């Protein structure tokens, strides 16, 4: 699925800019699909990457687990990326969705998003991220703890670089 997400109206210069792009086709998931996450974190001084296992939610009574990479780079401090592996795309290439970090944060507490990327809590321990494109909809369910851990780590590089106040 390739897509450009349009979330609540905003200009490209604002923190609430809601554009998501996909560099390849998104995982082929029937309408109504979702994912659950367990994490193995990796990070460098300049970027954050968290690998999680998510669940594709579909009509099928058995959920399909998929590996997903959550990424953040300080060069794009307002954006996060969710990357699906090449094996899930018909073209055999990674599928990367880029959207506002604020959308992911807000969606862990209340339903958020009106465009191609939507996020909402699903009970107390799960969150759903829904991806819309002309090819269809993929619904992926994550563990909220994994998403919160990732979001905390996205602020760590900025906090480490910030000067400390002295009196």
N, C-alpha and C. Protein backbone atom coordinates (compact mmCIF):
# COMPACT_ATOMS: atom_id res chain seq x y z
N UNK A 1 0.84 -1.17 0.00
CA UNK A 1 0.00 0.00 0.00
C UNK A 1 0.88 1.23 0.00
N UNK A 2 0.73 2.08 -0.95
CA UNK A 2 1.41 3.34 -0.82
C UNK A 2 0.36 4.36 -0.43
N UNK A 3 0.78 5.33 0.37
CA UNK A 3 -0.22 6.27 0.85
C UNK A 3 0.40 7.56 1.30
N UNK A 4 -0.41 8.57 1.35
CA UNK A 4 -0.07 9.82 2.00
C UNK A 4 -1.15 10.07 3.01
N UNK A 5 -0.79 10.08 4.28
CA UNK A 5 -1.81 10.24 5.32
C UNK A 5 -2.14 11.69 5.51
N UNK A 6 -3.40 11.95 5.66
CA UNK A 6 -3.85 13.29 5.96
C UNK A 6 -4.66 13.21 7.23
N UNK A 7 -4.10 13.75 8.28
CA UNK A 7 -4.76 13.74 9.57
C UNK A 7 -5.31 15.13 9.81
N UNK A 8 -5.67 15.47 11.03
CA UNK A 8 -6.30 16.78 11.25
C UNK A 8 -5.59 17.88 10.49
N UNK A 9 -6.35 18.79 9.86
CA UNK A 9 -5.75 19.82 9.02
C UNK A 9 -4.65 20.58 9.75
N UNK A 10 -3.51 20.67 9.08
CA UNK A 10 -2.37 21.39 9.63
C UNK A 10 -1.43 21.73 8.49
N UNK A 11 -0.54 22.67 8.71
CA UNK A 11 0.44 22.99 7.69
C UNK A 11 1.64 22.09 7.86
N UNK A 12 2.44 21.99 6.85
CA UNK A 12 3.61 21.12 6.92
C UNK A 12 4.59 21.58 7.98
N UNK A 13 4.53 22.81 8.39
CA UNK A 13 5.48 23.32 9.37
C UNK A 13 5.05 23.11 10.82
N UNK A 14 3.87 22.58 11.03
CA UNK A 14 3.40 22.42 12.41
C UNK A 14 3.68 21.03 12.95
N UNK A 15 3.67 20.93 14.26
CA UNK A 15 3.93 19.65 14.93
C UNK A 15 2.81 18.67 14.69
N UNK A 16 1.65 19.15 14.28
CA UNK A 16 0.54 18.23 14.08
C UNK A 16 0.40 17.83 12.63
N UNK A 17 1.40 18.13 11.82
CA UNK A 17 1.35 17.74 10.43
C UNK A 17 1.08 16.26 10.35
N UNK A 18 0.16 15.87 9.51
CA UNK A 18 -0.26 14.49 9.49
C UNK A 18 -0.08 13.89 8.12
N UNK A 19 1.15 13.76 7.68
CA UNK A 19 1.37 13.08 6.43
C UNK A 19 2.09 11.79 6.70
N UNK A 20 1.65 10.76 6.04
CA UNK A 20 2.32 9.47 6.16
C UNK A 20 2.65 9.03 4.76
N UNK A 21 3.81 8.47 4.59
CA UNK A 21 4.17 7.97 3.28
C UNK A 21 4.61 6.54 3.40
N UNK A 22 4.39 5.82 2.37
CA UNK A 22 4.81 4.44 2.31
C UNK A 22 5.74 4.32 1.13
N UNK A 23 6.89 3.71 1.32
CA UNK A 23 7.85 3.57 0.23
C UNK A 23 7.61 2.33 -0.60
N UNK A 24 6.75 1.47 -0.14
CA UNK A 24 6.42 0.26 -0.87
C UNK A 24 5.00 -0.12 -0.50
N UNK A 25 4.58 -1.29 -0.89
CA UNK A 25 3.23 -1.71 -0.54
C UNK A 25 3.17 -2.16 0.90
N UNK A 26 2.09 -1.80 1.59
CA UNK A 26 1.90 -2.18 2.99
C UNK A 26 1.58 -3.65 3.06
N UNK A 27 1.65 -4.23 4.26
CA UNK A 27 1.35 -5.64 4.37
C UNK A 27 -0.05 -5.91 3.85
N UNK A 28 -0.16 -6.97 3.10
CA UNK A 28 -1.46 -7.33 2.57
C UNK A 28 -2.31 -7.84 3.70
N UNK A 29 -3.23 -7.01 4.16
CA UNK A 29 -4.10 -7.40 5.25
C UNK A 29 -5.53 -7.09 4.85
N UNK A 30 -6.41 -8.01 5.08
CA UNK A 30 -7.81 -7.76 4.76
C UNK A 30 -8.34 -6.60 5.60
N UNK A 31 -9.40 -5.98 5.11
CA UNK A 31 -10.01 -4.91 5.89
C UNK A 31 -10.36 -5.45 7.25
N UNK A 32 -10.01 -4.70 8.29
CA UNK A 32 -10.28 -5.12 9.65
C UNK A 32 -9.13 -5.90 10.25
N UNK A 33 -7.87 -5.73 9.77
CA UNK A 33 -6.74 -6.46 10.32
C UNK A 33 -6.03 -5.69 11.45
N UNK A 34 -5.34 -6.35 12.47
CA UNK A 34 -4.63 -5.70 13.61
C UNK A 34 -3.37 -6.44 14.11
N UNK A 35 -2.47 -5.88 15.08
CA UNK A 35 -1.24 -6.52 15.57
C UNK A 35 -0.88 -6.31 17.05
N UNK A 36 -0.25 -7.29 17.76
CA UNK A 36 0.20 -7.17 19.16
C UNK A 36 1.72 -7.13 19.20
N UNK A 37 2.32 -6.38 20.11
CA UNK A 37 3.76 -6.18 20.06
C UNK A 37 4.52 -6.65 21.29
N UNK A 38 5.67 -7.27 21.03
CA UNK A 38 6.68 -7.54 22.05
C UNK A 38 7.95 -6.92 21.51
N UNK A 39 8.81 -6.39 22.35
CA UNK A 39 9.90 -5.56 21.85
C UNK A 39 11.29 -6.07 22.16
N UNK A 40 12.20 -5.77 21.20
CA UNK A 40 13.63 -5.95 21.38
C UNK A 40 14.26 -4.64 20.94
N UNK A 41 14.64 -3.75 21.87
CA UNK A 41 15.11 -2.43 21.49
C UNK A 41 16.55 -2.41 20.98
N UNK A 42 16.80 -1.53 20.02
CA UNK A 42 18.15 -1.21 19.58
C UNK A 42 18.17 0.29 19.33
N UNK A 43 19.27 0.94 19.63
CA UNK A 43 19.33 2.38 19.42
C UNK A 43 20.77 2.83 19.26
N UNK A 44 20.93 3.97 18.62
CA UNK A 44 22.23 4.61 18.52
C UNK A 44 22.07 6.01 19.10
N UNK A 45 23.15 6.75 19.15
CA UNK A 45 23.09 8.10 19.70
C UNK A 45 22.23 9.02 18.83
N UNK A 46 22.04 8.69 17.57
CA UNK A 46 21.31 9.57 16.68
C UNK A 46 19.95 9.06 16.27
N UNK A 47 19.66 7.81 16.49
CA UNK A 47 18.38 7.26 16.05
C UNK A 47 17.88 6.24 17.06
N UNK A 48 16.58 5.95 16.98
CA UNK A 48 15.97 4.96 17.85
C UNK A 48 15.26 3.95 16.97
N UNK A 49 15.49 2.69 17.24
CA UNK A 49 14.75 1.63 16.55
C UNK A 49 14.32 0.61 17.58
N UNK A 50 13.06 0.23 17.53
CA UNK A 50 12.51 -0.78 18.43
C UNK A 50 11.85 -1.82 17.55
N UNK A 51 12.27 -3.04 17.70
CA UNK A 51 11.66 -4.14 16.94
C UNK A 51 10.59 -4.78 17.81
N UNK A 52 9.40 -4.94 17.24
CA UNK A 52 8.28 -5.50 17.97
C UNK A 52 7.59 -6.57 17.13
N UNK A 53 6.83 -7.40 17.79
CA UNK A 53 5.98 -8.35 17.09
C UNK A 53 4.56 -7.83 17.24
N UNK A 54 3.90 -7.64 16.11
CA UNK A 54 2.54 -7.11 16.12
C UNK A 54 1.60 -8.17 15.54
N UNK A 55 0.31 -7.91 15.63
CA UNK A 55 -0.67 -8.85 15.10
C UNK A 55 -1.53 -8.17 14.05
N UNK A 56 -1.68 -8.85 12.94
CA UNK A 56 -2.58 -8.38 11.89
C UNK A 56 -3.98 -8.86 12.27
N UNK A 57 -4.91 -7.94 12.32
CA UNK A 57 -6.28 -8.28 12.67
C UNK A 57 -7.08 -8.37 11.37
N UNK A 58 -7.78 -9.47 11.20
CA UNK A 58 -8.57 -9.68 9.99
C UNK A 58 -9.81 -10.51 10.33
N UNK A 59 -10.51 -10.91 9.30
CA UNK A 59 -11.71 -11.74 9.48
C UNK A 59 -11.33 -13.14 9.99
N UNK A 60 -10.11 -13.53 9.73
CA UNK A 60 -9.64 -14.86 10.13
C UNK A 60 -9.62 -14.95 11.66
N UNK A 61 -10.15 -16.04 12.22
CA UNK A 61 -10.15 -16.16 13.68
C UNK A 61 -8.74 -16.30 14.28
N UNK A 62 -7.75 -16.69 13.46
CA UNK A 62 -6.37 -16.80 13.94
C UNK A 62 -5.62 -15.52 13.56
N UNK A 63 -5.00 -14.88 14.55
CA UNK A 63 -4.24 -13.67 14.28
C UNK A 63 -2.88 -14.03 13.72
N UNK A 64 -2.41 -13.23 12.80
CA UNK A 64 -1.10 -13.45 12.20
C UNK A 64 -0.10 -12.50 12.83
N UNK A 65 0.95 -13.05 13.44
CA UNK A 65 2.00 -12.22 14.04
C UNK A 65 2.98 -11.81 12.95
N UNK A 66 3.42 -10.53 13.05
CA UNK A 66 4.39 -10.02 12.07
C UNK A 66 5.46 -9.20 12.79
N UNK A 67 6.69 -9.24 12.30
CA UNK A 67 7.74 -8.39 12.87
C UNK A 67 7.59 -6.97 12.31
N UNK A 68 7.75 -5.99 13.18
CA UNK A 68 7.62 -4.59 12.78
C UNK A 68 8.78 -3.81 13.42
N UNK A 69 9.30 -2.84 12.70
CA UNK A 69 10.32 -1.94 13.25
C UNK A 69 9.69 -0.57 13.47
N UNK A 70 9.88 -0.05 14.67
CA UNK A 70 9.46 1.32 15.00
C UNK A 70 10.72 2.16 14.95
N UNK A 71 10.71 3.24 14.19
CA UNK A 71 11.93 4.04 14.01
C UNK A 71 11.68 5.52 14.24
N UNK A 72 12.73 6.18 14.74
CA UNK A 72 12.73 7.62 14.96
C UNK A 72 14.13 8.13 14.64
N UNK A 73 14.20 9.25 13.94
CA UNK A 73 15.49 9.89 13.70
C UNK A 73 15.40 11.35 14.16
N UNK A 74 16.41 11.83 14.88
CA UNK A 74 16.40 13.22 15.36
C UNK A 74 16.34 14.25 14.23
N UNK A 75 16.70 13.87 13.02
CA UNK A 75 16.62 14.81 11.90
C UNK A 75 15.17 15.10 11.52
N UNK A 76 14.24 14.23 11.94
CA UNK A 76 12.81 14.44 11.74
C UNK A 76 12.13 14.30 13.10
N UNK A 77 12.32 15.27 13.99
CA UNK A 77 11.88 15.12 15.38
C UNK A 77 10.37 15.03 15.59
N UNK A 78 9.58 15.38 14.60
CA UNK A 78 8.13 15.32 14.76
C UNK A 78 7.52 14.05 14.19
N UNK A 79 8.35 13.20 13.58
CA UNK A 79 7.84 12.02 12.88
C UNK A 79 8.34 10.72 13.49
N UNK A 80 7.53 9.68 13.33
CA UNK A 80 7.94 8.31 13.64
C UNK A 80 7.66 7.48 12.40
N UNK A 81 8.30 6.32 12.36
CA UNK A 81 8.15 5.44 11.21
C UNK A 81 7.77 4.05 11.71
N UNK A 82 6.86 3.42 10.99
CA UNK A 82 6.55 2.01 11.24
C UNK A 82 6.91 1.30 9.95
N UNK A 83 7.80 0.31 10.07
CA UNK A 83 8.32 -0.39 8.89
C UNK A 83 7.91 -1.85 8.94
N UNK A 84 7.25 -2.29 7.88
CA UNK A 84 6.86 -3.69 7.74
C UNK A 84 7.89 -4.38 6.85
N UNK A 85 8.22 -5.63 7.13
CA UNK A 85 9.27 -6.32 6.36
C UNK A 85 8.88 -6.60 4.92
N UNK A 86 9.92 -6.76 4.09
CA UNK A 86 9.74 -6.99 2.66
C UNK A 86 8.89 -8.22 2.37
N UNK A 87 8.96 -9.24 3.21
CA UNK A 87 8.22 -10.47 2.96
C UNK A 87 6.71 -10.30 2.97
N UNK A 88 6.23 -9.18 3.48
CA UNK A 88 4.79 -8.94 3.55
C UNK A 88 4.25 -8.17 2.36
N UNK A 89 5.14 -7.67 1.52
CA UNK A 89 4.71 -6.86 0.39
C UNK A 89 4.80 -7.66 -0.91
N UNK A 90 3.83 -7.47 -1.81
CA UNK A 90 3.87 -8.18 -3.09
C UNK A 90 5.13 -7.88 -3.90
N UNK A 91 5.70 -6.67 -3.73
CA UNK A 91 6.90 -6.28 -4.46
C UNK A 91 8.17 -6.80 -3.81
N UNK A 92 8.07 -7.31 -2.58
CA UNK A 92 9.25 -7.81 -1.89
C UNK A 92 10.14 -6.70 -1.34
N UNK A 93 9.57 -5.54 -1.05
CA UNK A 93 10.33 -4.42 -0.51
C UNK A 93 9.73 -4.00 0.84
N UNK A 94 10.58 -3.39 1.69
CA UNK A 94 10.07 -2.89 2.97
C UNK A 94 8.98 -1.85 2.71
N UNK A 95 8.03 -1.80 3.61
CA UNK A 95 6.94 -0.84 3.53
C UNK A 95 7.04 0.07 4.74
N UNK A 96 7.32 1.33 4.52
CA UNK A 96 7.54 2.27 5.60
C UNK A 96 6.46 3.35 5.60
N UNK A 97 5.82 3.52 6.75
CA UNK A 97 4.82 4.57 6.94
C UNK A 97 5.43 5.61 7.87
N UNK A 98 5.35 6.88 7.48
CA UNK A 98 5.87 7.98 8.27
C UNK A 98 4.68 8.85 8.66
N UNK A 99 4.57 9.14 9.95
CA UNK A 99 3.47 9.98 10.42
C UNK A 99 3.87 10.68 11.71
N UNK A 100 3.09 11.65 12.17
CA UNK A 100 3.48 12.45 13.33
C UNK A 100 3.60 11.64 14.62
N UNK A 101 4.66 11.90 15.35
CA UNK A 101 4.87 11.26 16.64
C UNK A 101 3.70 11.60 17.57
N UNK A 102 3.19 12.83 17.49
CA UNK A 102 2.07 13.25 18.33
C UNK A 102 0.82 12.42 18.07
N UNK A 103 0.63 11.97 16.84
CA UNK A 103 -0.51 11.12 16.51
C UNK A 103 -0.41 9.78 17.24
N UNK A 104 0.77 9.19 17.26
CA UNK A 104 0.96 7.93 17.96
C UNK A 104 0.78 8.13 19.47
N UNK A 105 1.35 9.18 20.01
CA UNK A 105 1.22 9.46 21.45
C UNK A 105 -0.23 9.64 21.86
N UNK A 106 -0.94 10.47 21.15
CA UNK A 106 -2.32 10.76 21.47
C UNK A 106 -3.21 9.53 21.32
N UNK A 107 -2.95 8.75 20.28
CA UNK A 107 -3.75 7.57 20.00
C UNK A 107 -3.65 6.48 21.05
N UNK A 108 -2.66 6.54 21.92
CA UNK A 108 -2.58 5.56 23.00
C UNK A 108 -3.60 5.85 24.09
N UNK A 109 -4.17 7.05 24.07
CA UNK A 109 -5.15 7.44 25.09
C UNK A 109 -6.56 7.63 24.54
N UNK A 110 -6.67 8.21 23.34
CA UNK A 110 -7.98 8.44 22.73
C UNK A 110 -7.87 8.16 21.23
N UNK A 111 -8.98 7.81 20.57
CA UNK A 111 -8.93 7.62 19.12
C UNK A 111 -8.46 8.90 18.44
N UNK A 112 -7.48 8.76 17.54
CA UNK A 112 -6.84 9.91 16.91
C UNK A 112 -6.60 9.63 15.44
N UNK A 113 -6.72 10.65 14.62
CA UNK A 113 -6.43 10.55 13.19
C UNK A 113 -7.68 10.53 12.36
N UNK A 114 -7.63 11.21 11.22
CA UNK A 114 -8.76 11.22 10.31
C UNK A 114 -8.33 10.90 8.88
N UNK A 115 -7.07 10.62 8.68
CA UNK A 115 -6.54 10.37 7.34
C UNK A 115 -6.14 8.93 7.14
N UNK A 116 -4.99 8.75 6.54
CA UNK A 116 -4.50 7.41 6.19
C UNK A 116 -3.97 6.63 7.37
N UNK A 117 -3.61 7.32 8.46
CA UNK A 117 -3.13 6.64 9.66
C UNK A 117 -4.02 7.03 10.82
N UNK A 118 -4.57 6.03 11.50
CA UNK A 118 -5.43 6.26 12.66
C UNK A 118 -4.95 5.37 13.80
N UNK A 119 -5.03 5.88 15.02
CA UNK A 119 -4.53 5.15 16.19
C UNK A 119 -5.57 5.26 17.29
N UNK A 120 -5.81 4.15 17.99
CA UNK A 120 -6.70 4.20 19.14
C UNK A 120 -6.36 3.10 20.13
N UNK A 121 -6.67 3.36 21.43
CA UNK A 121 -6.44 2.31 22.44
C UNK A 121 -7.47 1.21 22.26
N UNK A 122 -7.07 0.00 22.57
CA UNK A 122 -7.96 -1.15 22.47
C UNK A 122 -7.85 -1.88 23.81
N UNK A 123 -8.69 -1.50 24.74
CA UNK A 123 -8.56 -2.03 26.09
C UNK A 123 -7.45 -1.32 26.82
N UNK A 124 -6.95 -1.97 27.88
CA UNK A 124 -5.94 -1.33 28.72
C UNK A 124 -4.51 -1.60 28.28
N UNK A 125 -4.29 -2.66 27.51
CA UNK A 125 -2.91 -3.03 27.19
C UNK A 125 -2.62 -3.10 25.69
N UNK A 126 -3.57 -2.81 24.86
CA UNK A 126 -3.38 -2.90 23.41
C UNK A 126 -3.71 -1.56 22.75
N UNK A 127 -3.11 -1.33 21.60
CA UNK A 127 -3.43 -0.18 20.77
C UNK A 127 -3.51 -0.66 19.33
N UNK A 128 -4.33 -0.01 18.56
CA UNK A 128 -4.52 -0.36 17.16
C UNK A 128 -4.03 0.78 16.29
N UNK A 129 -3.28 0.44 15.25
CA UNK A 129 -2.86 1.41 14.25
C UNK A 129 -3.45 0.93 12.93
N UNK A 130 -4.22 1.81 12.32
CA UNK A 130 -4.93 1.46 11.08
C UNK A 130 -4.33 2.25 9.93
N UNK A 131 -3.95 1.56 8.88
CA UNK A 131 -3.32 2.17 7.71
C UNK A 131 -4.27 2.08 6.52
N UNK A 132 -4.59 3.23 5.91
CA UNK A 132 -5.50 3.29 4.77
C UNK A 132 -4.71 3.67 3.52
N UNK A 133 -5.00 2.98 2.42
CA UNK A 133 -4.40 3.33 1.13
C UNK A 133 -5.41 2.96 0.05
N UNK A 134 -5.14 3.34 -1.18
CA UNK A 134 -6.06 2.96 -2.26
C UNK A 134 -6.19 1.44 -2.42
N UNK A 135 -5.18 0.69 -1.98
CA UNK A 135 -5.22 -0.77 -2.11
C UNK A 135 -6.02 -1.44 -1.00
N UNK A 136 -6.33 -0.73 0.07
CA UNK A 136 -7.10 -1.32 1.16
C UNK A 136 -6.68 -0.80 2.52
N UNK A 137 -7.10 -1.52 3.54
CA UNK A 137 -6.84 -1.13 4.92
C UNK A 137 -6.11 -2.25 5.63
N UNK A 138 -5.09 -1.90 6.40
CA UNK A 138 -4.41 -2.87 7.26
C UNK A 138 -4.60 -2.40 8.70
N UNK A 139 -5.03 -3.30 9.57
CA UNK A 139 -5.23 -2.97 10.97
C UNK A 139 -4.24 -3.80 11.77
N UNK A 140 -3.38 -3.12 12.52
CA UNK A 140 -2.29 -3.77 13.24
C UNK A 140 -2.44 -3.46 14.72
N UNK A 141 -2.36 -4.49 15.55
CA UNK A 141 -2.51 -4.33 17.00
C UNK A 141 -1.14 -4.47 17.67
N UNK A 142 -0.85 -3.53 18.59
CA UNK A 142 0.40 -3.49 19.32
C UNK A 142 0.14 -3.53 20.81
N UNK A 143 1.13 -3.98 21.57
CA UNK A 143 1.07 -3.82 23.02
C UNK A 143 1.38 -2.35 23.31
N UNK A 144 0.55 -1.71 24.11
CA UNK A 144 0.76 -0.30 24.45
C UNK A 144 2.11 -0.11 25.14
N UNK A 145 2.52 -1.06 25.97
CA UNK A 145 3.80 -0.93 26.68
C UNK A 145 4.96 -0.79 25.70
N UNK A 146 4.94 -1.54 24.62
CA UNK A 146 6.02 -1.45 23.62
C UNK A 146 6.02 -0.09 22.94
N UNK A 147 4.83 0.43 22.61
CA UNK A 147 4.75 1.74 21.96
C UNK A 147 5.19 2.85 22.92
N UNK A 148 4.79 2.76 24.18
CA UNK A 148 5.20 3.77 25.16
C UNK A 148 6.71 3.75 25.37
N UNK A 149 7.28 2.55 25.45
CA UNK A 149 8.73 2.42 25.62
C UNK A 149 9.45 3.07 24.43
N UNK A 150 8.98 2.79 23.24
CA UNK A 150 9.55 3.39 22.04
C UNK A 150 9.45 4.92 22.09
N UNK A 151 8.27 5.44 22.42
CA UNK A 151 8.09 6.89 22.48
C UNK A 151 8.99 7.53 23.52
N UNK A 152 9.15 6.89 24.69
CA UNK A 152 10.07 7.42 25.71
C UNK A 152 11.48 7.52 25.15
N UNK A 153 11.89 6.50 24.43
CA UNK A 153 13.24 6.49 23.87
C UNK A 153 13.42 7.55 22.79
N UNK A 154 12.34 7.97 22.12
CA UNK A 154 12.47 9.00 21.09
C UNK A 154 12.80 10.35 21.71
N UNK A 155 12.45 10.53 22.99
CA UNK A 155 12.77 11.78 23.66
C UNK A 155 14.14 11.74 24.33
N UNK A 156 14.68 10.58 24.57
CA UNK A 156 15.98 10.44 25.26
C UNK A 156 17.11 11.17 24.54
N UNK A 157 17.29 11.04 23.19
CA UNK A 157 18.38 11.76 22.54
C UNK A 157 18.27 13.27 22.72
N UNK A 158 17.06 13.82 22.66
CA UNK A 158 16.88 15.27 22.83
C UNK A 158 17.19 15.69 24.26
N UNK A 159 16.77 14.88 25.23
CA UNK A 159 17.03 15.20 26.62
C UNK A 159 18.52 15.13 26.94
N UNK A 160 19.22 14.18 26.35
CA UNK A 160 20.66 14.04 26.59
C UNK A 160 21.43 15.22 25.98
N UNK A 161 20.94 15.75 24.86
CA UNK A 161 21.62 16.85 24.19
C UNK A 161 21.27 18.21 24.78
N UNK A 162 20.16 18.28 25.52
CA UNK A 162 19.74 19.56 26.08
C UNK A 162 20.70 20.01 27.17
N UNK A 163 21.06 21.30 27.20
CA UNK A 163 21.96 21.79 28.24
C UNK A 163 21.25 21.75 29.61
N UNK A 164 22.00 21.47 30.64
CA UNK A 164 21.43 21.43 31.97
C UNK A 164 21.51 22.81 32.59
N UNK A 165 20.49 23.17 33.34
CA UNK A 165 20.46 24.49 33.97
C UNK A 165 21.25 24.45 35.28
N UNK A 166 22.03 25.48 35.51
CA UNK A 166 22.79 25.57 36.77
C UNK A 166 22.40 26.87 37.47
N UNK A 167 22.45 26.84 38.75
CA UNK A 167 22.08 28.06 39.49
C UNK A 167 23.29 28.71 40.06
